[in-house]
Amino acid sequence: MAVVSQPCNPSCNLSQPGQIDEELNEFWVGNPWTIFRQHNLSSFERNRLYLNVGGRQFLDVSYVSGTDNDGDSRASLAADLNHDGMLDLVVRQVGGGPLLVYENQFPPRHFLTVTLRGTKSNRLGVGARLTATVGDRQIVRERFPVNSYLSQAPLVVHFGLGDAKRVDRLTVTWPSGLKQQLADLPADRHIVVTEGSDQWDPAEPGNTIAP
């Protein structure tokens, strides 16, 4: 992965922030404007997938998950493709097949998926902030389209709830400034929240949600 700092400053030259792992083909270029003089970014480096362990560390599961292909990948998106509440992984690349789909086969956990319908705000609720209160935890999501190279994720907000079977409270702060709260929501559902409404509507696979 290439990280570019100060991309609009052709005279910048930043020092290396830490140790480089040569086994992973990592490198550092202080001036991004010179990167193509020194490195080929289409050299089919193997992909890496890291598993978040308890929010404290990451475990490299690239090999065991089968995601460590070398197809010169350009974009990745997480989306629930089979409506089981678990985010799958879609990888777009220019070699080794244009599109790869990895099904999430981790042990199932509870979830809540939310679609927004704005009234005073924009129709898709872009810019809204959602906070799910689950016991003593708060899970915060912001409604912005996730875009990557020639790719865009679905316009839904996904909450992973672990072992919790309900959401105690869902707070939606809309771009209009309205703060809306819904209480005691069942897990393992896809719901539609309309700005200003005290109720939520179910969204089921195969059913059309009014635009």
Protein backbone atom coordinates (compact mmCIF):
# COMPACT_ATOMS: atom_id res chain seq x y z
CA MET A 1 0.00 0.00 0.00
CA ALA A 2 1.29 3.45 -0.86
CA VAL A 3 0.67 6.30 1.58
CA VAL A 4 1.14 9.79 0.17
CA SER A 5 1.70 12.74 2.50
CA GLN A 6 1.52 16.35 1.29
CA PRO A 7 0.55 15.31 -2.28
CA CYS A 8 0.15 18.94 -3.44
CA ASN A 9 3.61 20.05 -2.35
CA PRO A 10 6.20 18.99 -4.95
CA SER A 11 9.06 20.23 -2.78
CA CYS A 12 8.25 18.23 0.35
CA ASN A 13 10.73 15.61 1.58
CA LEU A 14 9.54 13.80 4.68
CA SER A 15 11.75 11.54 6.77
CA GLN A 16 10.98 7.84 7.11
CA PRO A 17 8.50 7.37 10.00
CA GLY A 18 9.73 3.95 11.13
CA GLN A 19 11.29 0.62 10.24
CA ILE A 20 10.60 -0.80 6.77
CA ASP A 21 9.68 -4.49 6.45
CA GLU A 22 11.61 -5.61 3.37
CA GLU A 23 9.97 -9.07 3.45
CA LEU A 24 6.66 -7.34 2.71
CA ASN A 25 8.30 -5.21 -0.01
CA GLU A 26 7.60 -2.04 1.94
CA PHE A 27 9.39 1.13 0.92
CA TRP A 28 9.40 4.83 1.74
CA VAL A 29 9.72 7.79 -0.59
CA GLY A 30 10.00 11.20 1.06
CA ASN A 31 8.75 13.05 -2.02
CA PRO A 32 5.70 11.46 -3.69
CA TRP A 33 6.42 13.31 -6.93
CA THR A 34 9.50 11.14 -7.43
CA ILE A 35 7.94 7.79 -6.54
CA PHE A 36 7.68 6.54 -10.13
CA ARG A 37 11.35 7.22 -10.74
CA GLN A 38 12.29 4.73 -8.03
CA HIS A 39 9.47 2.18 -7.79
CA ASN A 40 7.05 0.30 -10.00
CA LEU A 41 3.62 0.33 -8.33
CA SER A 42 2.33 -2.39 -10.65
CA SER A 43 4.72 -5.10 -9.51
CA PHE A 44 2.06 -7.52 -8.21
CA GLU A 45 2.84 -7.34 -4.50
CA ARG A 46 0.89 -9.89 -2.45
CA ASN A 47 -2.16 -8.57 -0.63
CA ARG A 48 -2.42 -8.51 3.16
CA LEU A 49 -5.47 -8.99 5.39
CA TYR A 50 -5.30 -8.17 9.09
CA LEU A 51 -7.77 -9.31 11.75
CA ASN A 52 -8.57 -6.87 14.55
CA VAL A 53 -8.12 -8.73 17.84
CA GLY A 54 -10.07 -7.11 20.64
CA GLY A 55 -9.38 -3.60 19.36
CA ARG A 56 -5.82 -3.84 20.66
CA GLN A 57 -3.75 -5.57 17.99
CA PHE A 58 -3.91 -6.99 14.48
CA LEU A 59 -3.26 -10.56 13.35
CA ASP A 60 -2.01 -11.27 9.83
CA VAL A 61 -4.51 -13.76 8.34
CA SER A 62 -3.54 -13.21 4.71
CA TYR A 63 -2.45 -16.78 3.99
CA VAL A 64 -5.08 -18.71 5.96
CA SER A 65 -7.89 -16.58 4.45
CA GLY A 66 -6.65 -17.01 0.89
CA THR A 67 -6.59 -13.26 0.31
CA ASP A 68 -2.83 -13.04 -0.26
CA ASN A 69 -3.08 -13.13 -4.06
CA ASP A 70 -0.68 -11.13 -6.24
CA GLY A 71 -3.16 -9.91 -8.86
CA ASP A 72 -2.10 -6.23 -8.69
CA SER A 73 -5.14 -5.13 -6.69
CA ARG A 74 -6.33 -1.54 -6.88
CA ALA A 75 -9.41 -1.36 -4.64
CA SER A 76 -11.21 -3.23 -1.87
CA LEU A 77 -14.66 -2.80 -0.37
CA ALA A 78 -16.57 -4.49 2.45
CA ALA A 79 -20.22 -5.33 1.74
CA ASP A 80 -22.79 -7.90 2.87
CA LEU A 81 -23.32 -9.63 -0.48
CA ASN A 82 -25.43 -12.57 0.69
CA HIS A 83 -27.54 -10.77 3.32
CA ASP A 84 -26.32 -12.82 6.27
CA GLY A 85 -25.23 -9.81 8.31
CA MET A 86 -21.52 -10.46 7.79
CA LEU A 87 -19.40 -8.15 5.67
CA ASP A 88 -17.75 -9.86 2.72
CA LEU A 89 -14.73 -8.52 0.85
CA VAL A 90 -14.64 -7.44 -2.79
CA VAL A 91 -11.26 -6.80 -4.43
CA ARG A 92 -10.85 -5.11 -7.81
CA GLN A 93 -7.59 -5.65 -9.67
CA VAL A 94 -5.95 -5.31 -13.05
CA GLY A 95 -4.34 -8.75 -13.19
CA GLY A 96 -5.19 -12.28 -12.11
CA GLY A 97 -8.91 -11.72 -12.75
CA PRO A 98 -10.62 -8.31 -12.62
CA LEU A 99 -12.80 -9.02 -9.57
CA LEU A 100 -12.36 -11.26 -6.53
CA VAL A 101 -15.05 -11.92 -3.92
CA TYR A 102 -14.19 -13.35 -0.49
CA GLU A 103 -17.10 -14.70 1.55
CA ASN A 104 -16.98 -13.98 5.27
CA GLN A 105 -16.90 -17.39 6.96
CA PHE A 106 -16.11 -16.31 10.49
CA PRO A 107 -18.51 -17.58 13.21
CA PRO A 108 -21.80 -15.65 12.91
CA ARG A 109 -22.42 -12.73 15.27
CA HIS A 110 -25.33 -10.35 15.74
CA PHE A 111 -25.65 -7.20 13.65
CA LEU A 112 -27.86 -4.25 12.72
CA THR A 113 -27.91 -2.69 9.25
CA VAL A 114 -29.46 0.74 8.73
CA THR A 115 -30.61 2.58 5.61
CA LEU A 116 -31.42 6.29 5.98
CA ARG A 117 -34.15 8.29 4.25
CA GLY A 118 -33.80 12.05 4.69
CA THR A 119 -36.70 14.50 4.48
CA LYS A 120 -35.25 17.88 5.45
CA SER A 121 -31.73 16.55 4.91
CA ASN A 122 -30.56 15.03 1.62
CA ARG A 123 -32.53 11.93 0.64
CA LEU A 124 -29.71 9.42 1.32
CA GLY A 125 -28.75 10.90 4.66
CA VAL A 126 -25.17 11.52 3.58
CA GLY A 127 -23.35 13.28 6.40
CA ALA A 128 -25.46 11.77 9.20
CA ARG A 129 -23.82 10.41 12.34
CA LEU A 130 -25.23 7.24 13.89
CA THR A 131 -24.50 6.02 17.43
CA ALA A 132 -25.66 2.60 18.60
CA THR A 133 -25.71 2.15 22.39
CA VAL A 134 -25.31 -1.51 23.32
CA GLY A 135 -24.96 -2.03 27.05
CA ASP A 136 -21.99 0.06 28.14
CA ARG A 137 -20.65 0.34 24.58
CA GLN A 138 -21.20 3.03 21.99
CA ILE A 139 -20.60 2.18 18.33
CA VAL A 140 -20.32 5.22 16.09
CA ARG A 141 -20.70 5.29 12.32
CA GLU A 142 -20.87 8.20 9.86
CA ARG A 143 -22.92 8.04 6.69
CA PHE A 144 -20.55 8.80 3.84
CA PRO A 145 -20.30 6.90 0.55
CA VAL A 146 -17.26 4.62 0.65
CA ASN A 147 -15.50 5.08 -2.66
CA SER A 148 -12.36 3.43 -3.92
CA TYR A 149 -10.79 3.10 -7.37
CA LEU A 150 -13.69 2.41 -9.78
CA SER A 151 -15.70 1.07 -6.82
CA GLN A 152 -18.41 2.20 -4.39
CA ALA A 153 -19.86 0.43 -1.36
CA PRO A 154 -23.63 0.09 -0.75
CA LEU A 155 -25.38 3.03 0.91
CA VAL A 156 -26.04 1.24 4.20
CA VAL A 157 -24.61 1.53 7.70
CA HIS A 158 -23.48 -1.71 9.35
CA PHE A 159 -23.14 -2.27 13.09
CA GLY A 160 -21.42 -5.41 14.36
CA LEU A 161 -23.01 -6.24 17.72
CA GLY A 162 -21.08 -9.32 18.81
CA ASP A 163 -23.18 -11.32 21.29
CA ALA A 164 -25.76 -8.55 21.87
CA LYS A 165 -29.26 -9.42 20.69
CA ARG A 166 -30.65 -5.87 20.82
CA VAL A 167 -29.56 -2.25 20.43
CA ASP A 168 -30.62 -0.29 23.49
CA ARG A 169 -30.70 3.00 21.65
CA LEU A 170 -29.90 4.23 18.13
CA THR A 171 -29.20 7.95 17.84
CA VAL A 172 -29.14 9.56 14.39
CA THR A 173 -27.83 13.11 14.05
CA TRP A 174 -28.98 14.30 10.62
CA PRO A 175 -27.25 16.94 8.47
CA SER A 176 -30.26 19.20 9.14
CA GLY A 177 -29.30 19.23 12.83
CA LEU A 178 -32.19 17.01 13.94
CA LYS A 179 -31.23 14.44 16.58
CA GLN A 180 -33.45 11.38 16.41
CA GLN A 181 -33.53 8.42 18.82
CA LEU A 182 -35.01 4.94 18.45
CA ALA A 183 -35.04 2.57 21.44
CA ASP A 184 -34.89 -1.20 21.91
CA LEU A 185 -34.11 -2.30 18.34
CA PRO A 186 -33.90 -6.04 17.56
CA ALA A 187 -30.60 -7.33 16.19
CA ASP A 188 -30.10 -9.26 12.97
CA ARG A 189 -32.29 -6.89 10.97
CA HIS A 190 -31.95 -4.39 8.14
CA ILE A 191 -34.07 -1.37 9.00
CA VAL A 192 -34.99 1.88 7.27
CA VAL A 193 -34.96 5.04 9.40
CA THR A 194 -36.81 8.07 8.04
CA GLU A 195 -35.83 11.51 9.26
CA GLY A 196 -38.32 12.78 11.86
CA SER A 197 -40.24 9.49 12.22
CA ASP A 198 -40.66 7.72 15.56
CA GLN A 199 -40.88 4.33 13.81
CA TRP A 200 -38.55 2.26 11.67
CA ASP A 201 -39.46 0.10 8.70
CA PRO A 202 -38.05 -3.38 7.93
CA ALA A 203 -36.03 -3.94 4.77
CA GLU A 204 -35.99 -7.50 3.52
CA PRO A 205 -33.83 -9.01 0.72
CA GLY A 206 -35.65 -8.77 -2.58
CA ASN A 207 -37.97 -5.94 -1.49
CA THR A 208 -37.59 -2.53 -3.08
CA ILE A 209 -37.00 0.43 -0.76
CA ALA A 210 -38.74 3.54 -2.08
CA PRO A 211 -36.21 6.05 -3.45
